[in-house]
PDB file of N, CA and C in Angstrom:
ATOM      1  N   MET A   1     -30.289  58.340-131.357  1.00  0.00           N
ATOM      2  CA  MET A   1     -31.194  57.876-132.395  1.00  0.00           C
ATOM      3  C   MET A   1     -30.477  57.441-133.671  1.00  0.00           C
ATOM      4  N   PRO A   2     -29.301  57.959-133.977  1.00  0.00           N
ATOM      5  CA  PRO A   2     -28.630  57.492-135.191  1.00  0.00           C
ATOM      6  C   PRO A   2     -27.849  56.189-134.992  1.00  0.00           C
ATOM      7  N   LEU A   3     -27.993  55.544-133.848  1.00  0.00           N
ATOM      8  CA  LEU A   3     -27.252  54.313-133.575  1.00  0.00           C
ATOM      9  C   LEU A   3     -27.404  53.249-134.661  1.00  0.00           C
ATOM     10  N   PRO A   4     -28.584  53.051-135.257  1.00  0.00           N
ATOM     11  CA  PRO A   4     -28.701  52.026-136.300  1.00  0.00           C
ATOM     12  C   PRO A   4     -27.792  52.256-137.506  1.00  0.00           C
ATOM     13  N   LEU A   5     -27.261  53.455-137.678  1.00  0.00           N
ATOM     14  CA  LEU A   5     -26.322  53.684-138.781  1.00  0.00           C
ATOM     15  C   LEU A   5     -25.061  52.850-138.624  1.00  0.00           C
ATOM     16  N   VAL A   6     -24.762  52.458-137.382  1.00  0.00           N
ATOM     17  CA  VAL A   6     -23.614  51.589-137.127  1.00  0.00           C
ATOM     18  C   VAL A   6     -23.794  50.256-137.854  1.00  0.00           C
ATOM     19  N   LEU A   7     -25.039  49.840-138.017  1.00  0.00           N
ATOM     20  CA  LEU A   7     -25.314  48.568-138.683  1.00  0.00           C
ATOM     21  C   LEU A   7     -24.840  48.558-140.137  1.00  0.00           C
ATOM     22  N   LEU A   8     -24.730  49.729-140.742  1.00  0.00           N
ATOM     23  CA  LEU A   8     -24.308  49.799-142.141  1.00  0.00           C
ATOM     24  C   LEU A   8     -22.852  49.369-142.332  1.00  0.00           C
ATOM     25  N   ALA A   9     -22.099  49.284-141.255  1.00  0.00           N
ATOM     26  CA  ALA A   9     -20.714  48.810-141.350  1.00  0.00           C
ATOM     27  C   ALA A   9     -20.652  47.318-141.655  1.00  0.00           C
ATOM     28  N   ASP A  10     -21.729  46.604-141.377  1.00  0.00           N
ATOM     29  CA  ASP A  10     -21.780  45.168-141.637  1.00  0.00           C
ATOM     30  C   ASP A  10     -22.251  44.915-143.062  1.00  0.00           C
ATOM     31  N   LYS A  11     -21.485  44.141-143.816  1.00  0.00           N
ATOM     32  CA  LYS A  11     -21.790  43.893-145.234  1.00  0.00           C
ATOM     33  C   LYS A  11     -23.133  43.180-145.415  1.00  0.00           C
ATOM     34  N   ASP A  12     -23.416  42.191-144.573  1.00  0.00           N
ATOM     35  CA  ASP A  12     -24.679  41.445-144.703  1.00  0.00           C
ATOM     36  C   ASP A  12     -25.889  42.326-144.405  1.00  0.00           C
ATOM     37  N   ILE A  13     -25.776  43.138-143.392  1.00  0.00           N
ATOM     38  CA  ILE A  13     -26.883  44.020-143.024  1.00  0.00           C
ATOM     39  C   ILE A  13     -27.046  45.123-144.065  1.00  0.00           C
ATOM     40  N   ARG A  14     -25.935  45.623-144.594  1.00  0.00           N
ATOM     41  CA  ARG A  14     -25.982  46.700-145.587  1.00  0.00           C
ATOM     42  C   ARG A  14     -26.757  46.267-146.834  1.00  0.00           C
ATOM     43  N   GLN A  15     -26.714  44.977-147.183  1.00  0.00           N
ATOM     44  CA  GLN A  15     -27.458  44.477-148.350  1.00  0.00           C
ATOM     45  C   GLN A  15     -28.963  44.624-148.164  1.00  0.00           C
ATOM     46  N   ASP A  16     -29.409  44.597-146.921  1.00  0.00           N
ATOM     47  CA  ASP A  16     -30.844  44.738-146.618  1.00  0.00           C
ATOM     48  C   ASP A  16     -31.159  46.114-146.032  1.00  0.00           C
ATOM     49  N   ALA A  17     -30.357  47.107-146.350  1.00  0.00           N
ATOM     50  CA  ALA A  17     -30.491  48.438-145.745  1.00  0.00           C
ATOM     51  C   ALA A  17     -31.863  49.060-145.979  1.00  0.00           C
ATOM     52  N   GLY A  18     -32.429  48.881-147.154  1.00  0.00           N
ATOM     53  CA  GLY A  18     -33.743  49.462-147.430  1.00  0.00           C
ATOM     54  C   GLY A  18     -34.827  48.894-146.534  1.00  0.00           C
ATOM     55  N   GLU A  19     -34.840  47.573-146.399  1.00  0.00           N
ATOM     56  CA  GLU A  19     -35.856  46.935-145.555  1.00  0.00           C
ATOM     57  C   GLU A  19     -35.647  47.271-144.079  1.00  0.00           C
ATOM     58  N   ILE A  20     -34.393  47.264-143.655  1.00  0.00           N
ATOM     59  CA  ILE A  20     -34.105  47.584-142.257  1.00  0.00           C
ATOM     60  C   ILE A  20     -34.415  49.047-141.974  1.00  0.00           C
ATOM     61  N   GLY A  21     -34.113  49.917-142.906  1.00  0.00           N
ATOM     62  CA  GLY A  21     -34.442  51.333-142.736  1.00  0.00           C
ATOM     63  C   GLY A  21     -35.935  51.552-142.612  1.00  0.00           C
ATOM     64  N   PHE A  22     -36.712  50.824-143.419  1.00  0.00           N
ATOM     65  CA  PHE A  22     -38.165  50.949-143.332  1.00  0.00           C
ATOM     66  C   PHE A  22     -38.677  50.429-141.992  1.00  0.00           C
ATOM     67  N   LEU A  23     -38.128  49.309-141.525  1.00  0.00           N
ATOM     68  CA  LEU A  23     -38.526  48.773-140.226  1.00  0.00           C
ATOM     69  C   LEU A  23     -38.181  49.740-139.093  1.00  0.00           C
ATOM     70  N   TYR A  24     -37.029  50.396-139.214  1.00  0.00           N
ATOM     71  CA  TYR A  24     -36.629  51.382-138.198  1.00  0.00           C
ATOM     72  C   TYR A  24     -37.579  52.577-138.207  1.00  0.00           C
ATOM     73  N   LEU A  25     -37.910  53.049-139.383  1.00  0.00           N
ATOM     74  CA  LEU A  25     -38.864  54.153-139.494  1.00  0.00           C
ATOM     75  C   LEU A  25     -40.212  53.765-138.883  1.00  0.00           C
ATOM     76  N   GLU A  26     -40.635  52.550-139.134  1.00  0.00           N
ATOM     77  CA  GLU A  26     -41.889  52.058-138.569  1.00  0.00           C
ATOM     78  C   GLU A  26     -41.820  51.999-137.034  1.00  0.00           C
ATOM     79  N   ALA A  27     -40.725  51.478-136.501  1.00  0.00           N
ATOM     80  CA  ALA A  27     -40.576  51.375-135.044  1.00  0.00           C
ATOM     81  C   ALA A  27     -40.576  52.760-134.394  1.00  0.00           C
ATOM     82  N   MET A  28     -39.848  53.694-134.998  1.00  0.00           N
ATOM     83  CA  MET A  28     -39.794  55.035-134.431  1.00  0.00           C
ATOM     84  C   MET A  28     -41.144  55.751-134.562  1.00  0.00           C
ATOM     85  N   SER A  29     -41.862  55.488-135.631  1.00  0.00           N
ATOM     86  CA  SER A  29     -43.186  56.100-135.817  1.00  0.00           C
ATOM     87  C   SER A  29     -44.169  55.608-134.765  1.00  0.00           C
ATOM     88  N   ILE A  30     -44.150  54.325-134.513  1.00  0.00           N
ATOM     89  CA  ILE A  30     -45.056  53.761-133.507  1.00  0.00           C
ATOM     90  C   ILE A  30     -44.722  54.319-132.129  1.00  0.00           C
ATOM     91  N   THR A  31     -43.439  54.398-131.819  1.00  0.00           N
ATOM     92  CA  THR A  31     -43.026  54.970-130.537  1.00  0.00           C
ATOM     93  C   THR A  31     -43.481  56.424-130.429  1.00  0.00           C
ATOM     94  N   GLY A  32     -43.289  57.189-131.490  1.00  0.00           N
ATOM     95  CA  GLY A  32     -43.719  58.585-131.487  1.00  0.00           C
ATOM     96  C   GLY A  32     -45.221  58.737-131.322  1.00  0.00           C
ATOM     97  N   LEU A  33     -45.972  57.884-131.995  1.00  0.00           N
ATOM     98  CA  LEU A  33     -47.430  57.944-131.854  1.00  0.00           C
ATOM     99  C   LEU A  33     -47.878  57.591-130.442  1.00  0.00           C
ATOM    100  N   LEU A  34     -47.264  56.566-129.858  1.00  0.00           N
ATOM    101  CA  LEU A  34     -47.635  56.187-128.492  1.00  0.00           C
ATOM    102  C   LEU A  34     -47.282  57.298-127.506  1.00  0.00           C
ATOM    103  N   TYR A  35     -46.101  57.887-127.684  1.00  0.00           N
ATOM    104  CA  TYR A  35     -45.705  58.972-126.783  1.00  0.00           C
ATOM    105  C   TYR A  35     -46.625  60.172-126.946  1.00  0.00           C
ATOM    106  N   THR A  36     -46.816  60.606-128.173  1.00  0.00           N
ATOM    107  CA  THR A  36     -47.625  61.794-128.421  1.00  0.00           C
ATOM    108  C   THR A  36     -49.084  61.564-128.050  1.00  0.00           C
ATOM    109  N   GLY A  37     -49.604  60.400-128.366  1.00  0.00           N
ATOM    110  CA  GLY A  37     -51.006  60.102-128.084  1.00  0.00           C
ATOM    111  C   GLY A  37     -51.307  59.856-126.621  1.00  0.00           C
ATOM    112  N   SER A  38     -50.296  59.503-125.838  1.00  0.00           N
ATOM    113  CA  SER A  38     -50.547  59.181-124.434  1.00  0.00           C
ATOM    114  C   SER A  38     -51.040  60.389-123.642  1.00  0.00           C
ATOM    115  N   VAL A  39     -50.658  61.590-124.051  1.00  0.00           N
ATOM    116  CA  VAL A  39     -51.101  62.772-123.302  1.00  0.00           C
ATOM    117  C   VAL A  39     -52.596  63.022-123.489  1.00  0.00           C
ATOM    118  N   TYR A  40     -53.200  62.453-124.517  1.00  0.00           N
ATOM    119  CA  TYR A  40     -54.636  62.616-124.731  1.00  0.00           C
ATOM    120  C   TYR A  40     -55.439  61.570-123.970  1.00  0.00           C
ATOM    121  N   ILE A  41     -54.768  60.504-123.556  1.00  0.00           N
ATOM    122  CA  ILE A  41     -55.449  59.419-122.859  1.00  0.00           C
ATOM    123  C   ILE A  41     -55.389  59.609-121.345  1.00  0.00           C
ATOM    124  N   LYS A  42     -54.256  60.061-120.867  1.00  0.00           N
ATOM    125  CA  LYS A  42     -54.021  60.144-119.425  1.00  0.00           C
ATOM    126  C   LYS A  42     -53.553  61.538-119.051  1.00  0.00           C
ATOM    127  N   ASP A  43     -54.209  62.146-118.072  1.00  0.00           N
ATOM    128  CA  ASP A  43     -53.779  63.445-117.557  1.00  0.00           C
ATOM    129  C   ASP A  43     -52.773  63.209-116.433  1.00  0.00           C
ATOM    130  N   ARG A  44     -51.547  63.558-116.714  1.00  0.00           N
ATOM    131  CA  ARG A  44     -50.509  63.465-115.682  1.00  0.00           C
ATOM    132  C   ARG A  44     -49.772  64.794-115.680  1.00  0.00           C
ATOM    133  N   TYR A  45     -49.951  65.516-114.621  1.00  0.00           N
ATOM    134  CA  TYR A  45     -49.448  66.880-114.556  1.00  0.00           C
ATOM    135  C   TYR A  45     -47.980  66.926-114.169  1.00  0.00           C
ATOM    136  N   ARG A  46     -47.287  67.906-114.739  1.00  0.00           N
ATOM    137  CA  ARG A  46     -45.891  68.141-114.390  1.00  0.00           C
ATOM    138  C   ARG A  46     -45.825  68.744-112.985  1.00  0.00           C
ATOM    139  N   PRO A  47     -44.698  68.571-112.307  1.00  0.00           N
ATOM    140  CA  PRO A  47     -44.590  69.115-110.941  1.00  0.00           C
ATOM    141  C   PRO A  47     -44.825  70.619-110.856  1.00  0.00           C
ATOM    142  N   LEU A  48     -44.517  71.364-111.901  1.00  0.00           N
ATOM    143  CA  LEU A  48     -44.722  72.813-111.844  1.00  0.00           C
ATOM    144  C   LEU A  48     -46.196  73.179-111.704  1.00  0.00           C
ATOM    145  N   ALA A  49     -47.085  72.296-112.095  1.00  0.00           N
ATOM    146  CA  ALA A  49     -48.518  72.580-111.982  1.00  0.00           C
ATOM    147  C   ALA A  49     -48.967  72.649-110.523  1.00  0.00           C
ATOM    148  N   TYR A  50     -48.199  72.070-109.628  1.00  0.00           N
ATOM    149  CA  TYR A  50     -48.550  72.059-108.209  1.00  0.00           C
ATOM    150  C   TYR A  50     -47.748  73.076-107.399  1.00  0.00           C
ATOM    151  N   ASN A  51     -46.830  73.768-108.051  1.00  0.00           N
ATOM    152  CA  ASN A  51     -45.948  74.701-107.358  1.00  0.00           C
ATOM    153  C   ASN A  51     -46.625  76.067-107.238  1.00  0.00           C
ATOM    154  N   PRO A  52     -46.934  76.490-106.019  1.00  0.00           N
ATOM    155  CA  PRO A  52     -47.624  77.786-105.855  1.00  0.00           C
ATOM    156  C   PRO A  52     -46.753  78.989-106.221  1.00  0.00           C
ATOM    157  N   GLU A  53     -45.437  78.799-106.337  1.00  0.00           N
ATOM    158  CA  GLU A  53     -44.555  79.904-106.692  1.00  0.00           C
ATOM    159  C   GLU A  53     -44.516  80.167-108.204  1.00  0.00           C
ATOM    160  N   VAL A  54     -45.027  79.236-108.992  1.00  0.00           N
ATOM    161  CA  VAL A  54     -45.083  79.404-110.446  1.00  0.00           C
ATOM    162  C   VAL A  54     -46.365  80.157-110.787  1.00  0.00           C
ATOM    163  N   PRO A  55     -46.289  81.159-111.663  1.00  0.00           N
ATOM    164  CA  PRO A  55     -47.499  81.915-112.029  1.00  0.00           C
ATOM    165  C   PRO A  55     -48.614  80.999-112.558  1.00  0.00           C
ATOM    166  N   MET A  56     -49.839  81.353-112.208  1.00  0.00           N
ATOM    167  CA  MET A  56     -50.989  80.521-112.562  1.00  0.00           C
ATOM    168  C   MET A  56     -51.121  80.318-114.064  1.00  0.00           C
ATOM    169  N   GLU A  57     -50.837  81.344-114.884  1.00  0.00           N
ATOM    170  CA  GLU A  57     -50.980  81.188-116.333  1.00  0.00           C
ATOM    171  C   GLU A  57     -50.001  80.139-116.877  1.00  0.00           C
ATOM    172  N   GLU A  58     -48.828  80.030-116.274  1.00  0.00           N
ATOM    173  CA  GLU A  58     -47.875  79.006-116.702  1.00  0.00           C
ATOM    174  C   GLU A  58     -48.314  77.625-116.225  1.00  0.00           C
ATOM    175  N   ARG A  59     -48.875  77.564-115.032  1.00  0.00           N
ATOM    176  CA  ARG A  59     -49.346  76.284-114.490  1.00  0.00           C
ATOM    177  C   ARG A  59     -50.548  75.749-115.251  1.00  0.00           C
ATOM    178  N   MET A  60     -51.323  76.624-115.888  1.00  0.00           N
ATOM    179  CA  MET A  60     -52.536  76.210-116.594  1.00  0.00           C
ATOM    180  C   MET A  60     -52.312  75.911-118.075  1.00  0.00           C
ATOM    181  N   ARG A  61     -51.113  76.130-118.580  1.00  0.00           N
ATOM    182  CA  ARG A  61     -50.835  75.859-119.990  1.00  0.00           C
ATOM    183  C   ARG A  61     -51.017  74.387-120.313  1.00  0.00           C
ATOM    184  N   GLY A  62     -51.251  74.106-121.572  1.00  0.00           N
ATOM    185  CA  GLY A  62     -51.435  72.723-122.012  1.00  0.00           C
ATOM    186  C   GLY A  62     -50.214  71.856-121.781  1.00  0.00           C
ATOM    187  N   GLY A  63     -49.024  72.448-121.857  1.00  0.00           N
ATOM    188  CA  GLY A  63     -47.802  71.684-121.674  1.00  0.00           C
ATOM    189  C   GLY A  63     -47.600  71.184-120.253  1.00  0.00           C
ATOM    190  N   SER A  64     -48.312  71.739-119.304  1.00  0.00           N
ATOM    191  CA  SER A  64     -48.149  71.281-117.920  1.00  0.00           C
ATOM    192  C   SER A  64     -48.927  69.996-117.669  1.00  0.00           C
ATOM    193  N   LYS A  65     -49.650  69.541-118.671  1.00  0.00           N
ATOM    194  CA  LYS A  65     -50.480  68.347-118.515  1.00  0.00           C
ATOM    195  C   LYS A  65     -49.903  67.125-119.233  1.00  0.00           C
ATOM    196  N   ASN A  66     -48.728  67.251-119.827  1.00  0.00           N
ATOM    197  CA  ASN A  66     -48.226  66.128-120.611  1.00  0.00           C
ATOM    198  C   ASN A  66     -46.955  65.529-120.012  1.00  0.00           C
ATOM    199  N   SER A  67     -47.042  65.127-118.783  1.00  0.00           N
ATOM    200  CA  SER A  67     -45.883  64.556-118.100  1.00  0.00           C
ATOM    201  C   SER A  67     -45.990  63.040-118.043  1.00  0.00           C
ATOM    202  N   PHE A  68     -46.317  62.425-119.155  1.00  0.00           N
ATOM    203  CA  PHE A  68     -46.410  60.963-119.115  1.00  0.00           C
ATOM    204  C   PHE A  68     -45.093  60.377-119.570  1.00  0.00           C
ATOM    205  N   PHE A  69     -45.026  59.618-120.598  1.00  0.00           N
ATOM    206  CA  PHE A  69     -43.776  58.982-121.008  1.00  0.00           C
ATOM    207  C   PHE A  69     -42.715  60.023-121.317  1.00  0.00           C
ATOM    208  N   ALA A  70     -41.491  59.691-121.026  1.00  0.00           N
ATOM    209  CA  ALA A  70     -40.373  60.554-121.397  1.00  0.00           C
ATOM    210  C   ALA A  70     -40.047  60.264-122.857  1.00  0.00           C
ATOM    211  N   GLY A  71     -40.397  61.180-123.733  1.00  0.00           N
ATOM    212  CA  GLY A  71     -40.273  60.954-125.171  1.00  0.00           C
ATOM    213  C   GLY A  71     -38.867  60.665-125.637  1.00  0.00           C
ATOM    214  N   HIS A  72     -37.881  61.452-125.173  1.00  0.00           N
ATOM    215  CA  HIS A  72     -36.527  61.217-125.645  1.00  0.00           C
ATOM    216  C   HIS A  72     -35.985  59.890-125.143  1.00  0.00           C
ATOM    217  N   VAL A  73     -36.367  59.481-123.943  1.00  0.00           N
ATOM    218  CA  VAL A  73     -35.938  58.182-123.429  1.00  0.00           C
ATOM    219  C   VAL A  73     -36.591  57.061-124.221  1.00  0.00           C
ATOM    220  N   ALA A  74     -37.861  57.225-124.563  1.00  0.00           N
ATOM    221  CA  ALA A  74     -38.562  56.198-125.347  1.00  0.00           C
ATOM    222  C   ALA A  74     -37.940  56.044-126.725  1.00  0.00           C
ATOM    223  N   LEU A  75     -37.582  57.150-127.354  1.00  0.00           N
ATOM    224  CA  LEU A  75     -36.972  57.078-128.686  1.00  0.00           C
ATOM    225  C   LEU A  75     -35.575  56.470-128.639  1.00  0.00           C
ATOM    226  N   VAL A  76     -34.799  56.815-127.629  1.00  0.00           N
ATOM    227  CA  VAL A  76     -33.464  56.220-127.488  1.00  0.00           C
ATOM    228  C   VAL A  76     -33.580  54.724-127.219  1.00  0.00           C
ATOM    229  N   ALA A  77     -34.513  54.340-126.366  1.00  0.00           N
ATOM    230  CA  ALA A  77     -34.708  52.919-126.074  1.00  0.00           C
ATOM    231  C   ALA A  77     -35.139  52.158-127.321  1.00  0.00           C
ATOM    232  N   THR A  78     -36.062  52.713-128.087  1.00  0.00           N
ATOM    233  CA  THR A  78     -36.504  52.058-129.317  1.00  0.00           C
ATOM    234  C   THR A  78     -35.342  51.893-130.280  1.00  0.00           C
ATOM    235  N   SER A  79     -34.561  52.926-130.448  1.00  0.00           N
ATOM    236  CA  SER A  79     -33.409  52.879-131.342  1.00  0.00           C
ATOM    237  C   SER A  79     -32.398  51.831-130.887  1.00  0.00           C
ATOM    238  N   THR A  80     -32.121  51.806-129.600  1.00  0.00           N
ATOM    239  CA  THR A  80     -31.143  50.869-129.050  1.00  0.00           C
ATOM    240  C   THR A  80     -31.615  49.430-129.180  1.00  0.00           C
ATOM    241  N   PHE A  81     -32.851  49.175-128.780  1.00  0.00           N
ATOM    242  CA  PHE A  81     -33.362  47.811-128.836  1.00  0.00           C
ATOM    243  C   PHE A  81     -33.507  47.332-130.278  1.00  0.00           C
ATOM    244  N   PHE A  82     -33.894  48.237-131.169  1.00  0.00           N
ATOM    245  CA  PHE A  82     -33.985  47.884-132.587  1.00  0.00           C
ATOM    246  C   PHE A  82     -32.614  47.472-133.120  1.00  0.00           C
ATOM    247  N   THR A  83     -31.600  48.252-132.813  1.00  0.00           N
ATOM    248  CA  THR A  83     -30.251  47.957-133.282  1.00  0.00           C
ATOM    249  C   THR A  83     -29.755  46.629-132.721  1.00  0.00           C
ATOM    250  N   ALA A  84     -29.993  46.407-131.435  1.00  0.00           N
ATOM    251  CA  ALA A  84     -29.570  45.151-130.812  1.00  0.00           C
ATOM    252  C   ALA A  84     -30.290  43.957-131.442  1.00  0.00           C
ATOM    253  N   LYS A  85     -31.572  44.111-131.724  1.00  0.00           N
ATOM    254  CA  LYS A  85     -32.345  43.014-132.308  1.00  0.00           C
ATOM    255  C   LYS A  85     -31.880  42.688-133.725  1.00  0.00           C
ATOM    256  N   VAL A  86     -31.685  43.714-134.540  1.00  0.00           N
ATOM    257  CA  VAL A  86     -31.233  43.482-135.914  1.00  0.00           C
ATOM    258  C   VAL A  86     -29.848  42.835-135.901  1.00  0.00           C
ATOM    259  N   PHE A  87     -28.944  43.359-135.075  1.00  0.00           N
ATOM    260  CA  PHE A  87     -27.602  42.789-135.015  1.00  0.00           C
ATOM    261  C   PHE A  87     -27.650  41.341-134.543  1.00  0.00           C
ATOM    262  N   SER A  88     -28.463  41.059-133.526  1.00  0.00           N
ATOM    263  CA  SER A  88     -28.538  39.687-133.023  1.00  0.00           C
ATOM    264  C   SER A  88     -29.227  38.747-134.005  1.00  0.00           C
ATOM    265  N   ASP A  89     -30.111  39.259-134.848  1.00  0.00           N
ATOM    266  CA  ASP A  89     -30.725  38.412-135.881  1.00  0.00           C
ATOM    267  C   ASP A  89     -29.705  38.014-136.950  1.00  0.00           C
ATOM    268  N   TYR A  90     -28.823  38.937-137.293  1.00  0.00           N
ATOM    269  CA  TYR A  90     -27.810  38.651-138.311  1.00  0.00           C
ATOM    270  C   TYR A  90     -26.612  37.897-137.740  1.00  0.00           C
ATOM    271  N   HIS A  91     -26.340  38.097-136.462  1.00  0.00           N
ATOM    272  CA  HIS A  91     -25.188  37.465-135.815  1.00  0.00           C
ATOM    273  C   HIS A  91     -25.630  36.878-134.465  1.00  0.00           C
ATOM    274  N   PRO A  92     -26.377  35.773-134.494  1.00  0.00           N
ATOM    275  CA  PRO A  92     -26.954  35.243-133.251  1.00  0.00           C
ATOM    276  C   PRO A  92     -25.925  34.753-132.230  1.00  0.00           C
ATOM    277  N   ASP A  93     -24.731  34.390-132.659  1.00  0.00           N
ATOM    278  CA  ASP A  93     -23.734  33.865-131.730  1.00  0.00           C
ATOM    279  C   ASP A  93     -22.733  34.914-131.252  1.00  0.00           C
ATOM    280  N   SER A  94     -22.869  36.140-131.707  1.00  0.00           N
ATOM    281  CA  SER A  94     -21.908  37.191-131.362  1.00  0.00           C
ATOM    282  C   SER A  94     -22.154  37.722-129.950  1.00  0.00           C
ATOM    283  N   LYS A  95     -21.076  37.941-129.237  1.00  0.00           N
ATOM    284  CA  LYS A  95     -21.168  38.548-127.902  1.00  0.00           C
ATOM    285  C   LYS A  95     -21.298  40.065-127.998  1.00  0.00           C
ATOM    286  N   LEU A  96     -21.028  40.634-129.157  1.00  0.00           N
ATOM    287  CA  LEU A  96     -21.117  42.089-129.340  1.00  0.00           C
ATOM    288  C   LEU A  96     -22.546  42.611-129.255  1.00  0.00           C
ATOM    289  N   LYS A  97     -23.528  41.749-129.434  1.00  0.00           N
ATOM    290  CA  LYS A  97     -24.916  42.233-129.441  1.00  0.00           C
ATOM    291  C   LYS A  97     -25.312  42.881-128.119  1.00  0.00           C
ATOM    292  N   TYR A  98     -24.630  42.524-127.038  1.00  0.00           N
ATOM    293  CA  TYR A  98     -24.958  43.101-125.739  1.00  0.00           C
ATOM    294  C   TYR A  98     -24.421  44.520-125.575  1.00  0.00           C
ATOM    295  N   LEU A  99     -23.454  44.911-126.378  1.00  0.00           N
ATOM    296  CA  LEU A  99     -22.935  46.272-126.318  1.00  0.00           C
ATOM    297  C   LEU A  99     -23.989  47.312-126.687  1.00  0.00           C
ATOM    298  N   PHE A 100     -24.904  46.940-127.571  1.00  0.00           N
ATOM    299  CA  PHE A 100     -25.925  47.884-128.021  1.00  0.00           C
ATOM    300  C   PHE A 100     -26.939  48.219-126.934  1.00  0.00           C
ATOM    301  N   LEU A 101     -26.991  47.429-125.909  1.00  0.00           N
ATOM    302  CA  LEU A 101     -27.971  47.669-124.850  1.00  0.00           C
ATOM    303  C   LEU A 101     -27.485  48.655-123.801  1.00  0.00           C
ATOM    304  N   TRP A 102     -26.239  49.102-123.905  1.00  0.00           N
ATOM    305  CA  TRP A 102     -25.695  50.044-122.935  1.00  0.00           C
ATOM    306  C   TRP A 102     -26.510  51.325-122.852  1.00  0.00           C
ATOM    307  N   SER A 103     -26.919  51.850-123.968  1.00  0.00           N
ATOM    308  CA  SER A 103     -27.632  53.135-123.901  1.00  0.00           C
ATOM    309  C   SER A 103     -29.021  52.995-123.310  1.00  0.00           C
ATOM    310  N   SER A 104     -29.502  51.770-123.108  1.00  0.00           N
ATOM    311  CA  SER A 104     -30.778  51.610-122.412  1.00  0.00           C
ATOM    312  C   SER A 104     -30.640  52.012-120.950  1.00  0.00           C
ATOM    313  N   CYS A 105     -29.416  52.141-120.482  1.00  0.00           N
ATOM    314  CA  CYS A 105     -29.188  52.593-119.104  1.00  0.00           C
ATOM    315  C   CYS A 105     -29.694  54.016-118.895  1.00  0.00           C
ATOM    316  N   SER A 106     -29.757  54.820-119.960  1.00  0.00           N
ATOM    317  CA  SER A 106     -30.271  56.181-119.799  1.00  0.00           C
ATOM    318  C   SER A 106     -31.730  56.154-119.367  1.00  0.00           C
ATOM    319  N   GLY A 107     -32.516  55.266-119.925  1.00  0.00           N
ATOM    320  CA  GLY A 107     -33.909  55.146-119.518  1.00  0.00           C
ATOM    321  C   GLY A 107     -34.045  54.631-118.100  1.00  0.00           C
ATOM    322  N   TYR A 108     -33.243  53.650-117.770  1.00  0.00           N
ATOM    323  CA  TYR A 108     -33.277  53.103-116.418  1.00  0.00           C
ATOM    324  C   TYR A 108     -32.881  54.165-115.401  1.00  0.00           C
ATOM    325  N   SER A 109     -31.780  54.867-115.678  1.00  0.00           N
ATOM    326  CA  SER A 109     -31.316  55.859-114.712  1.00  0.00           C
ATOM    327  C   SER A 109     -32.280  57.035-114.601  1.00  0.00           C
ATOM    328  N   ARG A 110     -32.983  57.328-115.662  1.00  0.00           N
ATOM    329  CA  ARG A 110     -33.923  58.453-115.625  1.00  0.00           C
ATOM    330  C   ARG A 110     -35.090  58.170-114.683  1.00  0.00           C
ATOM    331  N   HIS A 111     -35.510  56.925-114.609  1.00  0.00           N
ATOM    332  CA  HIS A 111     -36.695  56.606-113.816  1.00  0.00           C
ATOM    333  C   HIS A 111     -36.390  55.986-112.452  1.00  0.00           C
ATOM    334  N   PHE A 112     -35.223  55.351-112.302  1.00  0.00           N
ATOM    335  CA  PHE A 112     -34.989  54.615-111.069  1.00  0.00           C
ATOM    336  C   PHE A 112     -33.813  55.119-110.236  1.00  0.00           C
ATOM    337  N   VAL A 113     -33.025  56.017-110.766  1.00  0.00           N
ATOM    338  CA  VAL A 113     -31.900  56.565-110.018  1.00  0.00           C
ATOM    339  C   VAL A 113     -32.296  57.958-109.537  1.00  0.00           C
ATOM    340  N   PRO A 114     -32.083  58.269-108.263  1.00  0.00           N
ATOM    341  CA  PRO A 114     -32.454  59.603-107.758  1.00  0.00           C
ATOM    342  C   PRO A 114     -31.777  60.708-108.559  1.00  0.00           C
ATOM    343  N   ALA A 115     -32.465  61.824-108.698  1.00  0.00           N
ATOM    344  CA  ALA A 115     -31.969  62.939-109.508  1.00  0.00           C
ATOM    345  C   ALA A 115     -30.616  63.431-109.020  1.00  0.00           C
ATOM    346  N   ALA A 116     -30.354  63.389-107.749  1.00  0.00           N
ATOM    347  CA  ALA A 116     -29.073  63.863-107.225  1.00  0.00           C
ATOM    348  C   ALA A 116     -27.909  63.032-107.738  1.00  0.00           C
ATOM    349  N   CYS A 117     -28.139  61.770-108.031  1.00  0.00           N
ATOM    350  CA  CYS A 117     -27.075  60.882-108.519  1.00  0.00           C
ATOM    351  C   CYS A 117     -26.796  61.089-110.011  1.00  0.00           C
ATOM    352  N   ARG A 118     -27.702  61.706-110.744  1.00  0.00           N
ATOM    353  CA  ARG A 118     -27.542  61.861-112.187  1.00  0.00           C
ATOM    354  C   ARG A 118     -26.762  63.105-112.562  1.00  0.00           C
ATOM    355  N   ARG A 119     -26.377  63.919-111.649  1.00  0.00           N
ATOM    356  CA  ARG A 119     -25.710  65.176-111.970  1.00  0.00           C
ATOM    357  C   ARG A 119     -24.258  65.001-112.204  1.00  0.00           C
TER     358      ARG A 119
END
């Protein structure tokens, strides 16, 4: 999440740090609201809710019902894409802008790579 701090190394971007910081706060707030609010819209149970070996009181807790978006992956993706977009807006011809998208692989691997491969 602190990846956008790298942008402060650029003199042109640093001049607009206040506006960019506000835009980053806005992007992260919207992501947080969508993640947090999604559990009220859609009931998606965690796997432990279906496990008969887990005690019933643990399976019935409110936290067993909020298995929708992966919050930390969503926040990392927002941070990464925001940084890549700001950098590419200030330096449209730079090949370095693609380096910022590397951490988006965490979101991809979390959802599309089998768990055994992530260890």
